[in-house]
Amino acid sequence: MALRRRGFTLIELLVSIGVMSVLGLALAVVLRQSMRLWHSGEARREAYEEAERVFRSLRTDIASMYTGRSEHGQTRAILLCHRQSQQQRLVFVRTIAAEPANPLAQLTGLALSDRYLDQRGDPLEARQLRLMASGGLEEVQWLLDPRGSGRLYRARRSPVGGAGNLFYTPIPLDSLGARCQLMSDRVLHFGLQFWHETATSWNNALTVWDSTRSVAAFENQPERGSWKMFRSAGSIVESRDDVFPTQLRLTLILEDAIEGADTQLAGEISAREDRITLAEEDRFPPDGGYALIGQEWVKYRSARGTVLTLDSQGRGQRGTQAQEHPAGTRVRTGRTFVKTLALPGFREDWGGR
């Protein structure tokens, strides 16, 4: 007698499909969360590695900063920090690391020469014996592109001084890419503070510095007025009254597509607006912070839904200017890193001002 083979009923099939669907959905949710965590971890790792690269380079420059006194025709130690189109420009003199092992440095000063070691055709000029002797020192400049590209540049020039020096002849913005080394292309903020002799906290540290105390490099009167240790215009040629800070603090904010917020203005705002409506909800930490609107930094005290409520003096923060912004302007935050660096030597002046 043949056995009758029993199949699945329709109800059993529907139950099985339902169970498999629930299990598949649960697995998809778990995988999505795992991928989100993985992407977040990768973004965090990349941000930390990029910040460490910037900090390492600046730390090496600061540790090699030349702060010696200038006597009998020696090269003068200079440290300048002023604003170029709303961005801080840091320029100073440092010693050249491992100069005897540098092939280009070995070809400097060998003949009657007239060219600087400045990352513009240096190999060719070295072969032509046209590079001037460096004297073991070079000028170094750090600048975040004021045009909002996010590119942080580092420039070098040796020997120190002469026509076209970096201290009083800023590199034109359209030449930054050709004349500088690109340190990062995702920087939202490159902020510098200097600890001076009367500072009690980083809240009242200076954001400008002129070791010559002549403010010759400062572009505008407000910036000159913020330099508390101005001596006289003649100090530009007098090195005995020069001053250097004890520490430098760098605040670096990197664009972060995972952790940082990135949205747009829902409508245009004036230069005095203190309530800003965004195109998306809950994109910013609710308890206050900073946001970058176009190229203007603002400080907000709360974020609720699509509305940022600004501090009473929240417009034009971090050296930027309050301005009008059209609808659709990008509004961003990023990941913040802070590093304090000690200078190899400092000079104070308690009684000479």
C-alpha atoms as a PDB file:
ATOM      1  CA  MET A   1       0.000   0.000   0.000  1.00  0.00           C
ATOM      2  CA  ALA A   2       1.517   3.327  -1.057  1.00  0.00           C
ATOM      3  CA  LEU A   3       2.127   5.900   1.704  1.00  0.00           C
ATOM      4  CA  ARG A   4       0.457   9.258   1.235  1.00  0.00           C
ATOM      5  CA  ARG A   5       2.966  12.166   1.567  1.00  0.00           C
ATOM      6  CA  ARG A   6       1.541  15.090   3.456  1.00  0.00           C
ATOM      7  CA  GLY A   7       2.650  18.623   2.365  1.00  0.00           C
ATOM      8  CA  PHE A   8       2.496  22.007   4.110  1.00  0.00           C
ATOM      9  CA  THR A   9      -0.784  23.728   4.487  1.00  0.00           C
ATOM     10  CA  LEU A  10      -1.260  27.311   3.349  1.00  0.00           C
ATOM     11  CA  ILE A  11      -1.433  28.498   6.945  1.00  0.00           C
ATOM     12  CA  GLU A  12       1.858  26.780   7.775  1.00  0.00           C
ATOM     13  CA  LEU A  13       3.524  28.391   4.766  1.00  0.00           C
ATOM     14  CA  LEU A  14       2.233  31.837   5.726  1.00  0.00           C
ATOM     15  CA  VAL A  15       3.435  31.394   9.321  1.00  0.00           C
ATOM     16  CA  SER A  16       6.854  30.249   8.095  1.00  0.00           C
ATOM     17  CA  ILE A  17       7.148  33.211   5.729  1.00  0.00           C
ATOM     18  CA  GLY A  18       6.124  35.581   8.519  1.00  0.00           C
ATOM     19  CA  VAL A  19       8.702  34.146  10.911  1.00  0.00           C
ATOM     20  CA  MET A  20      11.453  34.331   8.279  1.00  0.00           C
ATOM     21  CA  SER A  21      10.471  37.916   7.438  1.00  0.00           C
ATOM     22  CA  VAL A  22      10.693  38.956  11.094  1.00  0.00           C
ATOM     23  CA  LEU A  23      14.059  37.230  11.480  1.00  0.00           C
ATOM     24  CA  GLY A  24      15.337  38.792   8.241  1.00  0.00           C
ATOM     25  CA  LEU A  25      14.172  42.255   9.326  1.00  0.00           C
ATOM     26  CA  ALA A  26      15.817  41.841  12.715  1.00  0.00           C
ATOM     27  CA  LEU A  27      19.042  40.718  11.044  1.00  0.00           C
ATOM     28  CA  ALA A  28      18.927  43.709   8.664  1.00  0.00           C
ATOM     29  CA  VAL A  29      18.505  46.102  11.598  1.00  0.00           C
ATOM     30  CA  VAL A  30      21.446  44.514  13.412  1.00  0.00           C
ATOM     31  CA  LEU A  31      23.610  44.667  10.282  1.00  0.00           C
ATOM     32  CA  ARG A  32      22.637  48.290   9.643  1.00  0.00           C
ATOM     33  CA  GLN A  33      23.519  49.286  13.194  1.00  0.00           C
ATOM     34  CA  SER A  34      26.782  47.353  12.958  1.00  0.00           C
ATOM     35  CA  MET A  35      27.685  49.088   9.699  1.00  0.00           C
ATOM     36  CA  ARG A  36      26.794  52.464  11.195  1.00  0.00           C
ATOM     37  CA  LEU A  37      29.041  51.771  14.178  1.00  0.00           C
ATOM     38  CA  TRP A  38      31.806  50.597  11.869  1.00  0.00           C
ATOM     39  CA  HIS A  39      31.558  53.710   9.688  1.00  0.00           C
ATOM     40  CA  SER A  40      31.497  55.905  12.801  1.00  0.00           C
ATOM     41  CA  GLY A  41      34.575  54.164  14.165  1.00  0.00           C
ATOM     42  CA  GLU A  42      36.397  54.524  10.853  1.00  0.00           C
ATOM     43  CA  ALA A  43      35.502  58.217  10.620  1.00  0.00           C
ATOM     44  CA  ARG A  44      36.662  58.740  14.192  1.00  0.00           C
ATOM     45  CA  ARG A  45      39.933  56.916  13.496  1.00  0.00           C
ATOM     46  CA  GLU A  46      40.574  58.924  10.312  1.00  0.00           C
ATOM     47  CA  ALA A  47      39.822  62.201  12.098  1.00  0.00           C
ATOM     48  CA  TYR A  48      42.157  61.371  14.981  1.00  0.00           C
ATOM     49  CA  GLU A  49      44.926  60.298  12.600  1.00  0.00           C
ATOM     50  CA  GLU A  50      44.588  63.461  10.520  1.00  0.00           C
ATOM     51  CA  ALA A  51      44.539  65.665  13.625  1.00  0.00           C
ATOM     52  CA  GLU A  52      47.618  63.875  14.942  1.00  0.00           C
ATOM     53  CA  ARG A  53      49.433  64.500  11.648  1.00  0.00           C
ATOM     54  CA  VAL A  54      48.714  68.222  11.907  1.00  0.00           C
ATOM     55  CA  PHE A  55      49.640  68.342  15.594  1.00  0.00           C
ATOM     56  CA  ARG A  56      52.852  66.386  14.975  1.00  0.00           C
ATOM     57  CA  SER A  57      54.003  68.769  12.239  1.00  0.00           C
ATOM     58  CA  LEU A  58      53.148  71.898  14.207  1.00  0.00           C
ATOM     59  CA  ARG A  59      54.673  70.431  17.377  1.00  0.00           C
ATOM     60  CA  THR A  60      57.931  69.792  15.497  1.00  0.00           C
ATOM     61  CA  ASP A  61      57.927  73.346  14.133  1.00  0.00           C
ATOM     62  CA  ILE A  62      57.232  74.885  17.546  1.00  0.00           C
ATOM     63  CA  ALA A  63      59.854  72.705  19.265  1.00  0.00           C
ATOM     64  CA  SER A  64      62.397  73.948  16.688  1.00  0.00           C
ATOM     65  CA  MET A  65      61.356  77.611  16.973  1.00  0.00           C
ATOM     66  CA  TYR A  66      64.274  80.027  17.122  1.00  0.00           C
ATOM     67  CA  THR A  67      63.889  82.490  19.996  1.00  0.00           C
ATOM     68  CA  GLY A  68      67.510  83.587  20.476  1.00  0.00           C
ATOM     69  CA  ARG A  69      68.514  87.204  20.886  1.00  0.00           C
ATOM     70  CA  SER A  70      69.816  88.990  17.816  1.00  0.00           C
ATOM     71  CA  GLU A  71      73.251  90.528  18.301  1.00  0.00           C
ATOM     72  CA  HIS A  72      76.079  91.523  15.967  1.00  0.00           C
ATOM     73  CA  GLY A  73      74.181  90.906  12.757  1.00  0.00           C
ATOM     74  CA  GLN A  74      72.657  87.577  13.753  1.00  0.00           C
ATOM     75  CA  THR A  75      69.261  86.544  12.348  1.00  0.00           C
ATOM     76  CA  ARG A  76      66.437  88.006  14.402  1.00  0.00           C
ATOM     77  CA  ALA A  77      63.906  85.697  16.020  1.00  0.00           C
ATOM     78  CA  ILE A  78      60.379  86.742  15.005  1.00  0.00           C
ATOM     79  CA  LEU A  79      56.945  85.335  15.861  1.00  0.00           C
ATOM     80  CA  LEU A  80      53.878  86.844  14.202  1.00  0.00           C
ATOM     81  CA  CYS A  81      50.228  85.860  14.308  1.00  0.00           C
ATOM     82  CA  HIS A  82      47.690  88.137  12.651  1.00  0.00           C
ATOM     83  CA  ARG A  83      44.633  87.750  10.451  1.00  0.00           C
ATOM     84  CA  GLN A  84      44.688  87.425   6.700  1.00  0.00           C
ATOM     85  CA  SER A  85      41.113  87.674   5.422  1.00  0.00           C
ATOM     86  CA  GLN A  86      39.644  86.590   8.812  1.00  0.00           C
ATOM     87  CA  GLN A  87      41.994  83.591   9.217  1.00  0.00           C
ATOM     88  CA  GLN A  88      44.932  83.543  11.617  1.00  0.00           C
ATOM     89  CA  ARG A  89      48.302  83.491   9.880  1.00  0.00           C
ATOM     90  CA  LEU A  90      51.160  82.130  11.986  1.00  0.00           C
ATOM     91  CA  VAL A  91      54.745  82.918  10.906  1.00  0.00           C
ATOM     92  CA  PHE A  92      57.986  82.330  12.802  1.00  0.00           C
ATOM     93  CA  VAL A  93      61.655  81.392  12.487  1.00  0.00           C
ATOM     94  CA  ARG A  94      62.778  77.828  13.186  1.00  0.00           C
ATOM     95  CA  THR A  95      65.975  75.845  12.904  1.00  0.00           C
ATOM     96  CA  ILE A  96      66.265  73.516   9.926  1.00  0.00           C
ATOM     97  CA  ALA A  97      66.131  69.895  11.046  1.00  0.00           C
ATOM     98  CA  ALA A  98      68.805  67.491   9.773  1.00  0.00           C
ATOM     99  CA  GLU A  99      70.193  70.084   7.373  1.00  0.00           C
ATOM    100  CA  PRO A 100      73.463  68.168   6.704  1.00  0.00           C
ATOM    101  CA  ALA A 101      71.412  65.193   5.469  1.00  0.00           C
ATOM    102  CA  ASN A 102      69.247  67.309   3.146  1.00  0.00           C
ATOM    103  CA  PRO A 103      70.507  66.987  -0.472  1.00  0.00           C
ATOM    104  CA  LEU A 104      69.160  70.417  -1.419  1.00  0.00           C
ATOM    105  CA  ALA A 105      70.666  72.104   1.654  1.00  0.00           C
ATOM    106  CA  GLN A 106      74.068  70.709   0.707  1.00  0.00           C
ATOM    107  CA  LEU A 107      73.882  72.618  -2.583  1.00  0.00           C
ATOM    108  CA  THR A 108      73.143  76.031  -1.053  1.00  0.00           C
ATOM    109  CA  GLY A 109      75.647  78.859  -0.817  1.00  0.00           C
ATOM    110  CA  LEU A 110      78.169  77.230  -3.156  1.00  0.00           C
ATOM    111  CA  ALA A 111      78.327  80.103  -5.623  1.00  0.00           C
ATOM    112  CA  LEU A 112      77.121  83.651  -6.112  1.00  0.00           C
ATOM    113  CA  SER A 113      73.455  82.839  -5.578  1.00  0.00           C
ATOM    114  CA  ASP A 114      70.199  84.785  -5.577  1.00  0.00           C
ATOM    115  CA  ARG A 115      67.360  82.319  -4.981  1.00  0.00           C
ATOM    116  CA  TYR A 116      65.550  81.205  -1.822  1.00  0.00           C
ATOM    117  CA  LEU A 117      64.777  77.660  -0.736  1.00  0.00           C
ATOM    118  CA  ASP A 118      61.011  78.142  -0.905  1.00  0.00           C
ATOM    119  CA  GLN A 119      59.429  75.063  -2.557  1.00  0.00           C
ATOM    120  CA  ARG A 120      59.356  76.800  -5.951  1.00  0.00           C
ATOM    121  CA  GLY A 121      61.734  75.073  -8.355  1.00  0.00           C
ATOM    122  CA  ASP A 122      64.207  74.241  -5.587  1.00  0.00           C
ATOM    123  CA  PRO A 123      65.704  71.093  -7.226  1.00  0.00           C
ATOM    124  CA  LEU A 124      66.482  72.927 -10.485  1.00  0.00           C
ATOM    125  CA  GLU A 125      67.869  75.973  -8.685  1.00  0.00           C
ATOM    126  CA  ALA A 126      70.007  73.699  -6.503  1.00  0.00           C
ATOM    127  CA  ARG A 127      71.533  72.029  -9.593  1.00  0.00           C
ATOM    128  CA  GLN A 128      72.216  75.494 -11.010  1.00  0.00           C
ATOM    129  CA  LEU A 129      73.923  76.455  -7.694  1.00  0.00           C
ATOM    130  CA  ARG A 130      71.576  79.430  -7.331  1.00  0.00           C
ATOM    131  CA  LEU A 131      70.277  78.752  -3.806  1.00  0.00           C
ATOM    132  CA  MET A 132      71.530  81.069  -1.078  1.00  0.00           C
ATOM    133  CA  ALA A 133      73.008  79.635   2.109  1.00  0.00           C
ATOM    134  CA  SER A 134      70.302  79.024   4.710  1.00  0.00           C
ATOM    135  CA  GLY A 135      72.292  79.800   7.830  1.00  0.00           C
ATOM    136  CA  GLY A 136      70.523  76.864   9.460  1.00  0.00           C
ATOM    137  CA  LEU A 137      67.246  78.791   9.822  1.00  0.00           C
ATOM    138  CA  GLU A 138      64.019  79.115   7.848  1.00  0.00           C
ATOM    139  CA  GLU A 139      60.713  80.981   7.928  1.00  0.00           C
ATOM    140  CA  VAL A 140      57.586  78.876   8.426  1.00  0.00           C
ATOM    141  CA  GLN A 141      53.989  79.922   7.783  1.00  0.00           C
ATOM    142  CA  TRP A 142      50.734  78.155   8.744  1.00  0.00           C
ATOM    143  CA  LEU A 143      47.447  79.363   7.246  1.00  0.00           C
ATOM    144  CA  LEU A 144      43.943  77.992   6.753  1.00  0.00           C
ATOM    145  CA  ASP A 145      42.702  79.013   3.303  1.00  0.00           C
ATOM    146  CA  PRO A 146      40.414  82.023   3.953  1.00  0.00           C
ATOM    147  CA  ARG A 147      38.264  81.122   0.944  1.00  0.00           C
ATOM    148  CA  GLY A 148      36.564  78.278   2.820  1.00  0.00           C
ATOM    149  CA  SER A 149      38.142  75.357   0.954  1.00  0.00           C
ATOM    150  CA  GLY A 150      39.090  73.607   4.219  1.00  0.00           C
ATOM    151  CA  ARG A 151      42.740  73.403   3.131  1.00  0.00           C
ATOM    152  CA  LEU A 152      45.415  73.997   5.753  1.00  0.00           C
ATOM    153  CA  TYR A 153      48.737  75.081   4.253  1.00  0.00           C
ATOM    154  CA  ARG A 154      52.330  75.180   5.506  1.00  0.00           C
ATOM    155  CA  ALA A 155      54.997  77.205   3.713  1.00  0.00           C
ATOM    156  CA  ARG A 156      58.781  77.388   4.169  1.00  0.00           C
ATOM    157  CA  ARG A 157      61.414  79.899   3.068  1.00  0.00           C
ATOM    158  CA  SER A 158      65.167  80.104   3.659  1.00  0.00           C
ATOM    159  CA  PRO A 159      67.297  82.080   4.343  1.00  0.00           C
ATOM    160  CA  VAL A 160      65.356  84.301   6.714  1.00  0.00           C
ATOM    161  CA  GLY A 161      64.496  87.869   5.764  1.00  0.00           C
ATOM    162  CA  GLY A 162      65.084  89.844   2.612  1.00  0.00           C
ATOM    163  CA  ALA A 163      62.614  90.985  -0.002  1.00  0.00           C
ATOM    164  CA  GLY A 164      59.503  88.829  -0.176  1.00  0.00           C
ATOM    165  CA  ASN A 165      59.888  87.379   3.318  1.00  0.00           C
ATOM    166  CA  LEU A 166      56.864  85.600   4.781  1.00  0.00           C
ATOM    167  CA  PHE A 167      56.557  87.958   7.761  1.00  0.00           C
ATOM    168  CA  TYR A 168      55.514  91.081   5.882  1.00  0.00           C
ATOM    169  CA  THR A 169      54.732  89.654   2.421  1.00  0.00           C
ATOM    170  CA  PRO A 170      51.852  87.155   2.739  1.00  0.00           C
ATOM    171  CA  ILE A 171      51.589  84.575  -0.019  1.00  0.00           C
ATOM    172  CA  PRO A 172      48.749  85.511  -2.434  1.00  0.00           C
ATOM    173  CA  LEU A 173      45.741  83.280  -1.930  1.00  0.00           C
ATOM    174  CA  ASP A 174      45.740  82.054  -5.515  1.00  0.00           C
ATOM    175  CA  SER A 175      49.361  80.879  -5.054  1.00  0.00           C
ATOM    176  CA  LEU A 176      48.861  78.877  -1.867  1.00  0.00           C
ATOM    177  CA  GLY A 177      48.481  75.555  -3.660  1.00  0.00           C
ATOM    178  CA  ALA A 178      51.659  76.044  -5.716  1.00  0.00           C
ATOM    179  CA  ARG A 179      53.880  77.454  -2.971  1.00  0.00           C
ATOM    180  CA  CYS A 180      52.748  75.540   0.123  1.00  0.00           C
ATOM    181  CA  GLN A 181      52.516  72.048   1.494  1.00  0.00           C
ATOM    182  CA  LEU A 182      48.939  70.833   1.994  1.00  0.00           C
ATOM    183  CA  MET A 183      48.561  69.591   5.576  1.00  0.00           C
ATOM    184  CA  SER A 184      44.810  68.798   5.523  1.00  0.00           C
ATOM    185  CA  ASP A 185      41.806  69.455   3.294  1.00  0.00           C
ATOM    186  CA  ARG A 186      38.996  69.068   5.851  1.00  0.00           C
ATOM    187  CA  VAL A 187      39.687  71.823   8.391  1.00  0.00           C
ATOM    188  CA  LEU A 188      36.766  73.973   9.530  1.00  0.00           C
ATOM    189  CA  HIS A 189      38.728  75.953  12.109  1.00  0.00           C
ATOM    190  CA  PHE A 190      42.414  76.539  12.870  1.00  0.00           C
ATOM    191  CA  GLY A 191      42.479  78.666  16.022  1.00  0.00           C
ATOM    192  CA  LEU A 192      45.554  79.854  17.920  1.00  0.00           C
ATOM    193  CA  GLN A 193      45.873  81.338  21.414  1.00  0.00           C
ATOM    194  CA  PHE A 194      49.000  82.592  23.164  1.00  0.00           C
ATOM    195  CA  TRP A 195      49.663  82.457  26.891  1.00  0.00           C
ATOM    196  CA  HIS A 196      51.214  85.741  27.987  1.00  0.00           C
ATOM    197  CA  GLU A 197      52.532  87.034  31.272  1.00  0.00           C
ATOM    198  CA  THR A 198      49.237  88.457  32.544  1.00  0.00           C
ATOM    199  CA  ALA A 199      46.941  85.649  31.360  1.00  0.00           C
ATOM    200  CA  THR A 200      44.976  83.882  34.081  1.00  0.00           C
ATOM    201  CA  SER A 201      43.183  81.362  31.831  1.00  0.00           C
ATOM    202  CA  TRP A 202      42.873  80.542  28.162  1.00  0.00           C
ATOM    203  CA  ASN A 203      39.722  82.677  28.125  1.00  0.00           C
ATOM    204  CA  ASN A 204      41.843  85.832  28.279  1.00  0.00           C
ATOM    205  CA  ALA A 205      44.810  84.552  26.277  1.00  0.00           C
ATOM    206  CA  LEU A 206      45.770  86.537  23.186  1.00  0.00           C
ATOM    207  CA  THR A 207      44.819  85.543  19.640  1.00  0.00           C
ATOM    208  CA  VAL A 208      47.388  87.838  17.993  1.00  0.00           C
ATOM    209  CA  TRP A 209      51.128  88.129  18.550  1.00  0.00           C
ATOM    210  CA  ASP A 210      53.960  90.332  17.317  1.00  0.00           C
ATOM    211  CA  SER A 211      57.268  89.592  18.987  1.00  0.00           C
ATOM    212  CA  THR A 212      58.699  92.842  17.549  1.00  0.00           C
ATOM    213  CA  ARG A 213      55.910  94.802  19.319  1.00  0.00           C
ATOM    214  CA  SER A 214      55.545  97.108  16.309  1.00  0.00           C
ATOM    215  CA  VAL A 215      52.225  95.751  14.876  1.00  0.00           C
ATOM    216  CA  ALA A 216      53.654  96.410  11.407  1.00  0.00           C
ATOM    217  CA  ALA A 217      52.046  93.241  10.025  1.00  0.00           C
ATOM    218  CA  PHE A 218      48.550  93.807  11.445  1.00  0.00           C
ATOM    219  CA  GLU A 219      45.961  94.670   8.820  1.00  0.00           C
ATOM    220  CA  ASN A 220      43.449  96.748  10.771  1.00  0.00           C
ATOM    221  CA  GLN A 221      43.034  98.979  13.796  1.00  0.00           C
ATOM    222  CA  PRO A 222      40.927  96.536  15.912  1.00  0.00           C
ATOM    223  CA  GLU A 223      43.639  93.932  15.540  1.00  0.00           C
ATOM    224  CA  ARG A 224      46.310  96.463  16.499  1.00  0.00           C
ATOM    225  CA  GLY A 225      44.262  97.471  19.510  1.00  0.00           C
ATOM    226  CA  SER A 226      43.995  93.867  20.687  1.00  0.00           C
ATOM    227  CA  TRP A 227      47.791  93.568  20.920  1.00  0.00           C
ATOM    228  CA  LYS A 228      48.402  94.495  24.564  1.00  0.00           C
ATOM    229  CA  MET A 229      52.196  94.662  24.373  1.00  0.00           C
ATOM    230  CA  PHE A 230      52.606  97.277  21.651  1.00  0.00           C
ATOM    231  CA  ARG A 231      55.756  99.311  22.183  1.00  0.00           C
ATOM    232  CA  SER A 232      56.292 101.586  19.178  1.00  0.00           C
ATOM    233  CA  ALA A 233      56.597 101.478  15.413  1.00  0.00           C
ATOM    234  CA  GLY A 234      60.359 101.758  15.885  1.00  0.00           C
ATOM    235  CA  SER A 235      60.449  98.436  17.719  1.00  0.00           C
ATOM    236  CA  ILE A 236      60.513  96.702  14.356  1.00  0.00           C
ATOM    237  CA  VAL A 237      64.273  97.387  14.238  1.00  0.00           C
ATOM    238  CA  GLU A 238      64.932  96.950  17.984  1.00  0.00           C
ATOM    239  CA  SER A 239      65.307  93.357  19.137  1.00  0.00           C
ATOM    240  CA  ARG A 240      66.092  93.983  22.816  1.00  0.00           C
ATOM    241  CA  ASP A 241      62.431  94.517  23.731  1.00  0.00           C
ATOM    242  CA  ASP A 242      61.071  91.467  21.852  1.00  0.00           C
ATOM    243  CA  VAL A 243      58.564  89.212  23.651  1.00  0.00           C
ATOM    244  CA  PHE A 244      57.589  85.565  23.173  1.00  0.00           C
ATOM    245  CA  PRO A 245      54.735  83.621  24.791  1.00  0.00           C
ATOM    246  CA  THR A 246      55.309  80.659  27.079  1.00  0.00           C
ATOM    247  CA  GLN A 247      52.704  78.426  25.425  1.00  0.00           C
ATOM    248  CA  LEU A 248      50.597  78.165  22.311  1.00  0.00           C
ATOM    249  CA  ARG A 249      47.208  76.464  22.202  1.00  0.00           C
ATOM    250  CA  LEU A 250      45.749  75.143  18.954  1.00  0.00           C
ATOM    251  CA  THR A 251      42.056  74.388  18.479  1.00  0.00           C
ATOM    252  CA  LEU A 252      41.553  72.285  15.378  1.00  0.00           C
ATOM    253  CA  ILE A 253      38.079  71.393  14.071  1.00  0.00           C
ATOM    254  CA  LEU A 254      37.889  68.800  11.324  1.00  0.00           C
ATOM    255  CA  GLU A 255      34.899  68.159   9.123  1.00  0.00           C
ATOM    256  CA  ASP A 256      33.301  64.853  10.098  1.00  0.00           C
ATOM    257  CA  ALA A 257      30.532  63.423   7.928  1.00  0.00           C
ATOM    258  CA  ILE A 258      29.506  60.899  10.608  1.00  0.00           C
ATOM    259  CA  GLU A 259      29.660  62.759  13.922  1.00  0.00           C
ATOM    260  CA  GLY A 260      29.510  66.347  12.693  1.00  0.00           C
ATOM    261  CA  ALA A 261      26.322  68.104  11.685  1.00  0.00           C
ATOM    262  CA  ASP A 262      25.830  69.267   8.106  1.00  0.00           C
ATOM    263  CA  THR A 263      22.625  70.949   7.030  1.00  0.00           C
ATOM    264  CA  GLN A 264      21.406  74.184   5.413  1.00  0.00           C
ATOM    265  CA  LEU A 265      19.604  77.387   6.296  1.00  0.00           C
ATOM    266  CA  ALA A 266      15.863  77.137   5.767  1.00  0.00           C
ATOM    267  CA  GLY A 267      15.690  80.847   4.913  1.00  0.00           C
ATOM    268  CA  GLU A 268      17.916  83.877   4.590  1.00  0.00           C
ATOM    269  CA  ILE A 269      19.213  85.590   7.744  1.00  0.00           C
ATOM    270  CA  SER A 270      20.482  89.093   8.411  1.00  0.00           C
ATOM    271  CA  ALA A 271      23.752  90.009  10.112  1.00  0.00           C
ATOM    272  CA  ARG A 272      21.848  90.586  13.397  1.00  0.00           C
ATOM    273  CA  GLU A 273      19.620  87.512  13.458  1.00  0.00           C
ATOM    274  CA  ASP A 274      19.771  85.620  16.761  1.00  0.00           C
ATOM    275  CA  ARG A 275      17.374  82.775  15.900  1.00  0.00           C
ATOM    276  CA  ILE A 276      18.333  80.589  12.986  1.00  0.00           C
ATOM    277  CA  THR A 277      16.002  78.098  11.325  1.00  0.00           C
ATOM    278  CA  LEU A 278      17.588  75.051   9.746  1.00  0.00           C
ATOM    279  CA  ALA A 279      16.351  72.792   6.974  1.00  0.00           C
ATOM    280  CA  GLU A 280      16.553  69.649   9.157  1.00  0.00           C
ATOM    281  CA  GLU A 281      15.693  68.810  12.741  1.00  0.00           C
ATOM    282  CA  ASP A 282      17.951  67.722  15.595  1.00  0.00           C
ATOM    283  CA  ARG A 283      21.237  68.108  13.731  1.00  0.00           C
ATOM    284  CA  PHE A 284      23.114  69.888  16.523  1.00  0.00           C
ATOM    285  CA  PRO A 285      23.903  69.126  20.181  1.00  0.00           C
ATOM    286  CA  PRO A 286      20.966  70.597  22.149  1.00  0.00           C
ATOM    287  CA  ASP A 287      22.905  72.247  24.986  1.00  0.00           C
ATOM    288  CA  GLY A 288      24.900  74.803  23.024  1.00  0.00           C
ATOM    289  CA  GLY A 289      28.109  75.057  21.045  1.00  0.00           C
ATOM    290  CA  TYR A 290      29.488  76.549  17.846  1.00  0.00           C
ATOM    291  CA  ALA A 291      28.275  76.277  14.261  1.00  0.00           C
ATOM    292  CA  LEU A 292      29.823  77.398  10.988  1.00  0.00           C
ATOM    293  CA  ILE A 293      27.387  79.209   8.670  1.00  0.00           C
ATOM    294  CA  GLY A 294      29.117  79.724   5.345  1.00  0.00           C
ATOM    295  CA  GLN A 295      32.363  81.253   6.618  1.00  0.00           C
ATOM    296  CA  GLU A 296      30.913  82.809   9.781  1.00  0.00           C
ATOM    297  CA  TRP A 297      31.177  81.095  13.155  1.00  0.00           C
ATOM    298  CA  VAL A 298      28.267  81.583  15.553  1.00  0.00           C
ATOM    299  CA  LYS A 299      27.812  80.529  19.164  1.00  0.00           C
ATOM    300  CA  TYR A 300      24.416  79.113  20.097  1.00  0.00           C
ATOM    301  CA  ARG A 301      23.031  78.382  23.549  1.00  0.00           C
ATOM    302  CA  SER A 302      20.376  75.838  22.563  1.00  0.00           C
ATOM    303  CA  ALA A 303      19.190  73.756  19.627  1.00  0.00           C
ATOM    304  CA  ARG A 304      15.535  72.666  19.553  1.00  0.00           C
ATOM    305  CA  GLY A 305      14.132  70.989  16.485  1.00  0.00           C
ATOM    306  CA  THR A 306      15.112  73.134  13.525  1.00  0.00           C
ATOM    307  CA  VAL A 307      15.903  76.279  15.559  1.00  0.00           C
ATOM    308  CA  LEU A 308      19.295  77.429  16.841  1.00  0.00           C
ATOM    309  CA  THR A 309      19.034  80.139  19.509  1.00  0.00           C
ATOM    310  CA  LEU A 310      22.225  82.199  19.601  1.00  0.00           C
ATOM    311  CA  ASP A 311      24.002  83.860  22.510  1.00  0.00           C
ATOM    312  CA  SER A 312      23.523  87.606  22.866  1.00  0.00           C
ATOM    313  CA  GLN A 313      26.983  88.133  21.323  1.00  0.00           C
ATOM    314  CA  GLY A 314      26.940  84.920  19.307  1.00  0.00           C
ATOM    315  CA  ARG A 315      27.462  86.316  15.811  1.00  0.00           C
ATOM    316  CA  GLY A 316      30.917  86.658  14.239  1.00  0.00           C
ATOM    317  CA  GLN A 317      32.787  84.350  16.594  1.00  0.00           C
ATOM    318  CA  ARG A 318      36.383  83.059  16.251  1.00  0.00           C
ATOM    319  CA  GLY A 319      37.604  86.076  14.340  1.00  0.00           C
ATOM    320  CA  THR A 320      34.907  85.984  11.652  1.00  0.00           C
ATOM    321  CA  GLN A 321      32.447  88.744  10.795  1.00  0.00           C
ATOM    322  CA  ALA A 322      28.677  88.704  11.165  1.00  0.00           C
ATOM    323  CA  GLN A 323      27.071  88.862   7.727  1.00  0.00           C
ATOM    324  CA  GLU A 324      23.923  88.087   5.788  1.00  0.00           C
ATOM    325  CA  HIS A 325      23.438  84.552   4.504  1.00  0.00           C
ATOM    326  CA  PRO A 326      20.976  83.395   1.826  1.00  0.00           C
ATOM    327  CA  ALA A 327      18.706  80.370   2.166  1.00  0.00           C
ATOM    328  CA  GLY A 328      20.539  77.146   1.446  1.00  0.00           C
ATOM    329  CA  THR A 329      23.855  78.242   3.004  1.00  0.00           C
ATOM    330  CA  ARG A 330      25.654  75.276   4.576  1.00  0.00           C
ATOM    331  CA  VAL A 331      25.621  75.038   8.381  1.00  0.00           C
ATOM    332  CA  ARG A 332      28.212  72.691   9.859  1.00  0.00           C
ATOM    333  CA  THR A 333      30.008  71.480  12.928  1.00  0.00           C
ATOM    334  CA  GLY A 334      32.887  69.035  13.158  1.00  0.00           C
ATOM    335  CA  ARG A 335      35.101  67.117  15.534  1.00  0.00           C
ATOM    336  CA  THR A 336      37.191  69.320  17.849  1.00  0.00           C
ATOM    337  CA  PHE A 337      40.784  68.677  18.926  1.00  0.00           C
ATOM    338  CA  VAL A 338      42.812  70.858  21.289  1.00  0.00           C
ATOM    339  CA  LYS A 339      46.566  70.766  21.908  1.00  0.00           C
ATOM    340  CA  THR A 340      48.779  72.974  24.086  1.00  0.00           C
ATOM    341  CA  LEU A 341      52.412  73.350  23.023  1.00  0.00           C
ATOM    342  CA  ALA A 342      55.253  74.860  25.042  1.00  0.00           C
ATOM    343  CA  LEU A 343      57.746  77.125  23.278  1.00  0.00           C
ATOM    344  CA  PRO A 344      61.438  76.262  23.647  1.00  0.00           C
ATOM    345  CA  GLY A 345      62.112  79.738  24.975  1.00  0.00           C
ATOM    346  CA  PHE A 346      60.041  82.729  26.042  1.00  0.00           C
ATOM    347  CA  ARG A 347      60.596  86.372  26.944  1.00  0.00           C
ATOM    348  CA  GLU A 348      58.423  88.477  29.203  1.00  0.00           C
ATOM    349  CA  ASP A 349      58.381  92.185  29.926  1.00  0.00           C
ATOM    350  CA  TRP A 350      56.836  93.134  33.242  1.00  0.00           C
ATOM    351  CA  GLY A 351      58.195  96.645  33.535  1.00  0.00           C
ATOM    352  CA  GLY A 352      59.030  97.885  30.076  1.00  0.00           C
ATOM    353  CA  ARG A 353      55.564  98.715  28.757  1.00  0.00           C
END
